[in-house]
Protein backbone atom coordinates (compact mmCIF):
# COMPACT_ATOMS: atom_id res chain seq x y z
CA MET A 1 -7.88 -41.26 -65.54
CA THR A 2 -10.16 -38.32 -65.14
CA THR A 3 -9.46 -35.76 -62.38
CA THR A 4 -11.98 -33.37 -61.06
CA ALA A 5 -11.01 -29.93 -59.76
CA ARG A 6 -12.12 -29.37 -56.22
CA ASN A 7 -14.03 -26.34 -55.16
CA HIS A 8 -11.93 -24.41 -52.59
CA ARG A 9 -14.56 -21.80 -51.81
CA TRP A 10 -15.55 -21.46 -48.09
CA ILE A 11 -19.01 -22.88 -47.64
CA GLY A 12 -21.33 -21.36 -45.08
CA GLY A 13 -18.54 -19.41 -43.42
CA ARG A 14 -17.21 -22.50 -41.63
CA ARG A 15 -13.53 -21.71 -42.03
CA PRO A 16 -13.74 -18.13 -40.64
CA ARG A 17 -15.69 -19.47 -37.62
CA ARG A 18 -13.00 -22.09 -37.01
CA ALA A 19 -10.31 -19.42 -37.24
CA ALA A 20 -12.18 -17.29 -34.68
CA VAL A 21 -12.44 -20.25 -32.30
CA LEU A 22 -8.72 -20.93 -32.64
CA ALA A 23 -7.97 -17.26 -31.98
CA VAL A 24 -10.01 -17.32 -28.76
CA VAL A 25 -8.34 -20.54 -27.59
CA GLY A 26 -4.93 -19.04 -28.34
CA ALA A 27 -5.74 -15.88 -26.40
CA LEU A 28 -6.90 -17.90 -23.39
CA ALA A 29 -3.78 -20.03 -23.51
CA LEU A 30 -1.60 -16.92 -23.68
CA ALA A 31 -3.43 -15.36 -20.72
CA GLY A 32 -2.92 -18.54 -18.74
CA CYS A 33 0.81 -18.46 -19.47
CA LEU A 34 1.21 -14.81 -18.57
CA GLY A 35 -0.93 -14.98 -15.42
CA GLU A 36 -2.37 -12.07 -13.45
CA PRO A 37 -0.02 -9.16 -12.67
CA GLU A 38 1.41 -8.99 -9.14
CA VAL A 39 -0.65 -7.06 -6.60
CA ASP A 40 1.87 -4.19 -6.50
CA GLU A 41 1.18 -3.67 -10.23
CA ARG A 42 -2.59 -3.66 -9.74
CA TRP A 43 -3.05 -1.75 -6.46
CA THR A 44 -1.96 1.77 -5.58
CA LEU A 45 1.52 1.32 -4.13
CA LEU A 46 3.08 3.19 -1.20
CA GLU A 47 6.85 2.99 -0.72
CA MET A 48 9.39 4.36 1.71
CA VAL A 49 12.08 5.40 -0.76
CA SER A 50 14.24 6.59 2.13
CA VAL A 51 13.54 6.64 5.85
CA ALA A 52 15.12 7.50 9.18
CA PRO A 53 15.26 5.78 11.54
CA GLN A 54 16.02 2.60 9.62
CA PRO A 55 14.37 -0.76 10.35
CA ASN A 56 16.28 -2.74 13.01
CA GLN A 57 18.11 0.42 14.08
CA ALA A 58 17.54 0.43 17.85
CA GLN A 59 16.22 3.65 19.38
CA SER A 60 16.46 4.80 22.98
CA ALA A 61 13.22 5.10 24.94
CA SER A 62 14.57 8.21 26.64
CA GLN A 63 15.01 10.15 23.38
CA PRO A 64 12.42 11.51 20.95
CA LEU A 65 12.37 10.02 17.46
CA ASN A 66 13.31 12.35 14.62
CA VAL A 67 11.47 10.80 11.71
CA ASN A 68 12.13 11.58 8.05
CA VAL A 69 10.30 9.70 5.31
CA LYS A 70 10.52 10.14 1.57
CA GLY A 71 7.29 8.49 0.54
CA ARG A 72 6.33 7.51 -2.97
CA VAL A 73 2.86 6.69 -4.23
CA THR A 74 2.28 4.99 -7.58
CA TYR A 75 -1.39 5.31 -8.41
CA ARG A 76 -3.42 2.55 -10.07
CA ASP A 77 -6.69 4.49 -9.86
CA ILE A 78 -7.95 7.98 -9.06
CA VAL A 79 -7.30 8.61 -5.36
CA THR A 80 -7.73 11.84 -3.40
CA GLY A 81 -6.88 12.15 0.28
CA PHE A 82 -3.88 12.47 2.57
CA MET A 83 -0.60 10.63 2.75
CA VAL A 84 0.41 10.07 6.36
CA ALA A 85 3.69 9.01 7.93
CA GLU A 86 3.01 8.15 11.56
CA VAL A 87 4.54 6.47 14.58
CA ARG A 88 1.92 4.34 16.33
CA TYR A 89 2.03 2.56 19.68
CA SER A 90 -0.06 -0.60 20.18
CA PRO A 91 -0.39 -2.17 23.63
CA THR A 92 -1.39 -5.52 22.07
CA LEU A 93 0.52 -5.88 18.78
CA THR A 94 4.24 -6.62 18.47
CA SER A 95 6.72 -7.18 15.68
CA VAL A 96 6.32 -10.95 16.06
CA SER A 97 2.52 -10.95 16.07
CA LEU A 98 2.03 -9.71 12.51
CA PRO A 99 4.01 -9.56 9.26
CA LEU A 100 5.29 -6.10 8.35
CA ASP A 101 8.26 -5.27 6.13
CA LYS A 102 8.59 -2.01 4.23
CA ASP A 103 10.16 -3.86 1.29
CA GLU A 104 7.41 -6.50 1.04
CA HIS A 105 4.51 -4.99 -0.89
CA THR A 106 1.81 -7.59 -0.28
CA GLU A 107 -1.84 -7.62 0.72
CA GLU A 108 -0.80 -9.30 3.98
CA CYS A 109 1.55 -6.46 4.93
CA ALA A 110 -1.04 -3.85 3.95
CA GLN A 111 -3.60 -5.58 6.18
CA SER A 112 -1.05 -5.55 9.01
CA VAL A 113 -1.01 -1.74 8.73
CA ASP A 114 -4.84 -1.78 8.82
CA GLN A 115 -4.65 -3.80 12.01
CA ILE A 116 -2.07 -1.50 13.59
CA LEU A 117 -4.11 1.60 12.82
CA ALA A 118 -7.21 0.03 14.38
CA ASN A 119 -5.41 -1.05 17.55
CA SER A 120 -2.99 1.73 18.43
CA VAL A 121 -2.56 5.39 19.34
CA THR A 122 -0.42 8.02 17.67
CA ALA A 123 2.96 9.11 18.97
CA GLY A 124 3.55 11.67 16.20
CA ARG A 125 2.82 12.16 12.51
CA ALA A 126 3.14 14.28 9.37
CA THR A 127 0.51 14.61 6.63
CA ARG A 128 0.27 15.87 3.08
CA ALA A 129 -2.77 16.32 0.84
CA VAL A 130 -2.37 14.29 -2.37
CA THR A 131 -4.36 13.36 -5.43
CA GLY A 132 -3.48 11.25 -8.45
CA TRP A 133 -4.62 8.94 -11.24
CA ASP A 134 -3.55 5.70 -12.87
CA HIS A 135 0.23 5.42 -13.50
CA LEU A 136 1.07 8.76 -11.85
CA MET A 137 4.09 8.52 -9.51
CA GLN A 138 4.37 11.12 -6.76
CA ASP A 139 7.10 11.68 -4.14
CA VAL A 140 6.31 13.32 -0.80
CA ASN A 141 8.73 14.29 1.99
CA LEU A 142 7.34 13.95 5.51
CA SER A 143 9.23 14.88 8.71
CA PHE A 144 8.18 15.03 12.36
CA THR A 145 9.25 14.27 15.92
CA ALA A 146 7.60 11.45 17.86
CA LEU A 147 7.70 10.75 21.59
CA VAL A 148 8.35 7.17 22.69
CA PRO A 149 5.66 5.88 25.10
CA PRO A 150 7.39 4.40 28.19
CA ALA A 151 4.93 1.48 28.14
CA VAL A 152 6.56 0.09 24.98
CA LEU A 153 9.44 -1.21 27.13
CA THR A 154 7.12 -3.64 28.91
CA SER A 155 4.31 -4.40 26.47
CA GLY A 156 3.14 -3.95 22.91
CA GLY A 157 5.05 -2.49 20.00
CA LEU A 158 5.98 0.72 18.22
CA PHE A 159 5.54 1.03 14.44
CA LEU A 160 6.31 3.52 11.70
CA VAL A 161 3.62 3.34 9.03
CA LEU A 162 2.92 5.06 5.73
CA TYR A 163 -0.70 5.08 4.63
CA MET A 164 -3.43 7.08 2.91
CA GLY A 165 -6.78 8.26 4.22
CA ALA A 166 -9.60 10.77 4.03
CA GLY A 167 -9.12 14.02 5.97
CA ASP A 168 -11.52 16.37 7.72
CA GLU A 169 -10.69 19.72 9.30
CA ILE A 170 -12.31 20.26 12.70
CA GLU A 171 -12.20 23.20 15.07
CA LEU A 172 -11.02 22.46 18.59
CA ALA A 173 -12.43 24.05 21.72
CA SER A 174 -9.37 26.30 21.76
CA GLY A 175 -10.34 27.66 18.35
CA GLU A 176 -7.47 25.94 16.59
CA ASP A 177 -8.00 23.76 13.55
CA SER A 178 -7.09 20.08 13.62
CA LEU A 179 -6.94 17.51 10.83
CA VAL A 180 -8.64 14.16 11.44
CA VAL A 181 -7.51 11.47 9.00
CA THR A 182 -9.59 8.33 8.62
CA PRO A 183 -7.35 5.64 7.10
CA PHE A 184 -8.45 3.94 3.91
CA ILE A 185 -8.94 0.19 4.42
CA SER A 186 -6.40 -1.43 2.12
CA THR A 187 -8.79 -3.96 0.57
CA ASP A 188 -11.57 -1.40 0.06
CA LYS A 189 -9.41 1.10 -1.85
CA GLU A 190 -6.84 -1.41 -3.12
CA ILE A 191 -3.93 0.49 -1.55
CA LEU A 192 -0.75 -1.17 -0.36
CA HIS A 193 0.09 0.63 2.90
CA THR A 194 3.56 -0.03 4.27
CA GLY A 195 5.69 0.27 7.39
CA PHE A 196 7.92 -1.53 9.86
CA PRO A 197 8.32 -2.09 13.62
CA ILE A 198 10.70 0.19 15.56
CA THR A 199 13.08 -1.43 18.01
CA ILE A 200 13.19 0.40 21.36
CA THR A 201 15.81 -0.07 24.06
CA PRO A 202 15.91 1.38 27.62
């Protein structure tokens, strides 16, 4: 019997092309298994590392609120502006009308803060100028006293929120300077604002 040696040379580059196709398919399969990172790993994240008063800690309507927030921002992009801790009163929004939990870092909770800021008035705040870039983590201590609006006992809700925005200094008629902060819309800047409702008792 006569045997003939086969030629094992790659002809026309077919085998390298096949290998490339397999590599692409493998990469796509791996990406599908891993999935997209959670939103708190893709968006700039705001956290209340420590806070007083605590969620679900009832506060008296007759006493001012002494607020202390240790806020933390983990940047996912370059952001320059102000970090704001603020007590807001809304005559139309309540703790049961929208989802808001300081330990739930979701788009839904961030949009709840957007909604609160658009439908409420301030009862007190503290601000700090900040700037950062991807992966930078920054802690900011914010303290202030807020007055409880009497109307919260009969309608609406009171909220403590932590958010970022753009600031402008303006001069008041009295000659004093005042800072106006325009909140960043969470979906526009991809920022996860946070906060929680404050329980008020007579």
